[in-house]
Amino acid sequence: MDGNLEFRQNLATLPVAVLVIEAVGNRMAHLQPLVPKMLRELNHIQPRTLRRVAA
């Protein structure tokens, strides 16, 4: 789990988008409810940006 990613990386220099997933843990039971939100964000996220998905 990586906190404060947007403050440690200069997103403007990266050719990728970053999707931060905020969940209680990294077990499937914690992540599975977030999948619909993750898919929606992945369809619209632009390169060099950071988006968050949380419960």
N, C-alpha and C. Protein backbone atom coordinates (compact mmCIF):
# COMPACT_ATOMS: atom_id res chain seq x y z
N MET A 1 0.84 -1.16 0.00
CA MET A 1 0.00 0.00 0.00
C MET A 1 0.90 1.24 0.00
N ASP A 2 0.62 2.12 -0.91
CA ASP A 2 1.47 3.29 -1.10
C ASP A 2 0.65 4.54 -0.85
N GLY A 3 1.04 5.32 0.12
CA GLY A 3 0.32 6.54 0.42
C GLY A 3 1.00 7.77 -0.15
N ASN A 4 0.23 8.78 -0.47
CA ASN A 4 0.74 10.07 -0.96
C ASN A 4 1.50 9.97 -2.27
N LEU A 5 1.12 9.05 -3.12
CA LEU A 5 1.80 8.87 -4.41
C LEU A 5 1.83 10.16 -5.22
N GLU A 6 0.72 10.89 -5.23
CA GLU A 6 0.66 12.11 -6.05
C GLU A 6 1.63 13.18 -5.59
N PHE A 7 2.09 13.10 -4.34
CA PHE A 7 3.04 14.09 -3.84
C PHE A 7 4.49 13.66 -4.06
N ARG A 8 4.72 12.40 -4.38
CA ARG A 8 6.08 11.91 -4.58
C ARG A 8 6.44 11.69 -6.04
N GLN A 9 5.47 11.75 -6.92
CA GLN A 9 5.71 11.56 -8.35
C GLN A 9 5.21 12.78 -9.11
N ASN A 10 5.98 13.21 -10.07
CA ASN A 10 5.55 14.30 -10.94
C ASN A 10 4.74 13.69 -12.07
N LEU A 11 3.43 13.66 -11.91
CA LEU A 11 2.56 12.99 -12.88
C LEU A 11 2.65 13.59 -14.27
N ALA A 12 2.99 14.86 -14.36
CA ALA A 12 3.07 15.51 -15.67
C ALA A 12 4.19 14.92 -16.52
N THR A 13 5.16 14.26 -15.90
CA THR A 13 6.27 13.68 -16.66
C THR A 13 6.05 12.22 -16.99
N LEU A 14 5.01 11.62 -16.45
CA LEU A 14 4.76 10.20 -16.69
C LEU A 14 3.80 10.03 -17.86
N PRO A 15 4.08 9.11 -18.77
CA PRO A 15 3.19 8.92 -19.93
C PRO A 15 2.00 8.00 -19.63
N VAL A 16 1.72 7.80 -18.37
CA VAL A 16 0.64 6.89 -17.98
C VAL A 16 -0.31 7.59 -17.02
N ALA A 17 -1.46 6.99 -16.84
CA ALA A 17 -2.41 7.44 -15.82
C ALA A 17 -2.24 6.57 -14.59
N VAL A 18 -2.62 7.10 -13.44
CA VAL A 18 -2.52 6.36 -12.19
C VAL A 18 -3.90 6.29 -11.57
N LEU A 19 -4.32 5.09 -11.21
CA LEU A 19 -5.58 4.89 -10.52
C LEU A 19 -5.26 4.37 -9.13
N VAL A 20 -5.56 5.16 -8.12
CA VAL A 20 -5.31 4.80 -6.73
C VAL A 20 -6.58 4.16 -6.17
N ILE A 21 -6.43 2.98 -5.61
CA ILE A 21 -7.56 2.25 -5.06
C ILE A 21 -7.46 2.31 -3.54
N GLU A 22 -8.44 2.95 -2.92
CA GLU A 22 -8.47 3.07 -1.47
C GLU A 22 -9.42 2.02 -0.91
N ALA A 23 -8.84 1.00 -0.30
CA ALA A 23 -9.64 -0.10 0.25
C ALA A 23 -9.12 -0.43 1.64
N VAL A 24 -9.92 -1.15 2.39
CA VAL A 24 -9.55 -1.56 3.74
C VAL A 24 -8.31 -2.43 3.70
N GLY A 25 -8.21 -3.26 2.68
CA GLY A 25 -7.08 -4.18 2.54
C GLY A 25 -6.95 -4.59 1.09
N ASN A 26 -6.02 -5.51 0.82
CA ASN A 26 -5.80 -5.94 -0.55
C ASN A 26 -6.38 -7.33 -0.83
N ARG A 27 -7.25 -7.80 0.03
CA ARG A 27 -7.93 -9.08 -0.21
C ARG A 27 -9.07 -8.87 -1.20
N MET A 28 -9.37 -9.94 -1.92
CA MET A 28 -10.42 -9.88 -2.94
C MET A 28 -11.74 -9.39 -2.35
N ALA A 29 -12.05 -9.80 -1.13
CA ALA A 29 -13.31 -9.38 -0.50
C ALA A 29 -13.36 -7.86 -0.31
N HIS A 30 -12.21 -7.22 -0.14
CA HIS A 30 -12.16 -5.77 0.03
C HIS A 30 -12.18 -5.06 -1.33
N LEU A 31 -11.60 -5.68 -2.34
CA LEU A 31 -11.46 -5.04 -3.64
C LEU A 31 -12.66 -5.26 -4.56
N GLN A 32 -13.28 -6.41 -4.46
CA GLN A 32 -14.36 -6.76 -5.38
C GLN A 32 -15.49 -5.72 -5.44
N PRO A 33 -15.93 -5.16 -4.33
CA PRO A 33 -16.99 -4.14 -4.42
C PRO A 33 -16.56 -2.88 -5.18
N LEU A 34 -15.26 -2.65 -5.32
CA LEU A 34 -14.76 -1.46 -6.00
C LEU A 34 -14.60 -1.65 -7.51
N VAL A 35 -14.71 -2.89 -7.98
CA VAL A 35 -14.47 -3.17 -9.40
C VAL A 35 -15.34 -2.34 -10.34
N PRO A 36 -16.63 -2.20 -10.13
CA PRO A 36 -17.41 -1.36 -11.05
C PRO A 36 -16.90 0.09 -11.12
N LYS A 37 -16.53 0.65 -9.99
CA LYS A 37 -15.98 2.02 -9.98
C LYS A 37 -14.64 2.07 -10.70
N MET A 38 -13.80 1.04 -10.49
CA MET A 38 -12.49 0.99 -11.15
C MET A 38 -12.66 0.95 -12.66
N LEU A 39 -13.58 0.12 -13.14
CA LEU A 39 -13.80 0.01 -14.58
C LEU A 39 -14.31 1.32 -15.18
N ARG A 40 -15.20 2.00 -14.46
CA ARG A 40 -15.70 3.30 -14.94
C ARG A 40 -14.55 4.31 -15.05
N GLU A 41 -13.72 4.36 -14.03
CA GLU A 41 -12.59 5.30 -14.05
C GLU A 41 -11.61 4.96 -15.15
N LEU A 42 -11.32 3.68 -15.34
CA LEU A 42 -10.36 3.27 -16.37
C LEU A 42 -10.85 3.63 -17.77
N ASN A 43 -12.14 3.70 -17.96
CA ASN A 43 -12.68 4.08 -19.27
C ASN A 43 -12.52 5.56 -19.56
N HIS A 44 -12.28 6.37 -18.53
CA HIS A 44 -12.26 7.83 -18.72
C HIS A 44 -10.97 8.51 -18.28
N ILE A 45 -10.07 7.79 -17.66
CA ILE A 45 -8.86 8.41 -17.14
C ILE A 45 -7.93 8.81 -18.29
N GLN A 46 -7.30 9.96 -18.15
CA GLN A 46 -6.40 10.48 -19.17
C GLN A 46 -4.95 10.29 -18.73
N PRO A 47 -4.03 10.14 -19.69
CA PRO A 47 -2.60 10.06 -19.33
C PRO A 47 -2.18 11.27 -18.50
N ARG A 48 -1.22 11.06 -17.65
CA ARG A 48 -0.64 12.11 -16.80
C ARG A 48 -1.60 12.63 -15.74
N THR A 49 -2.59 11.80 -15.38
CA THR A 49 -3.51 12.19 -14.33
C THR A 49 -3.58 11.10 -13.27
N LEU A 50 -4.10 11.47 -12.13
CA LEU A 50 -4.31 10.54 -11.03
C LEU A 50 -5.77 10.60 -10.64
N ARG A 51 -6.39 9.45 -10.50
CA ARG A 51 -7.78 9.38 -10.04
C ARG A 51 -7.82 8.41 -8.88
N ARG A 52 -8.80 8.58 -8.02
CA ARG A 52 -8.96 7.72 -6.84
C ARG A 52 -10.30 7.00 -6.89
N VAL A 53 -10.29 5.78 -6.40
CA VAL A 53 -11.50 4.99 -6.23
C VAL A 53 -11.54 4.56 -4.77
N ALA A 54 -12.63 4.86 -4.12
CA ALA A 54 -12.78 4.49 -2.70
C ALA A 54 -14.19 3.95 -2.47
N ALA A 55 -14.32 3.23 -1.38
CA ALA A 55 -15.63 2.65 -1.04
C ALA A 55 -16.59 3.73 -0.60
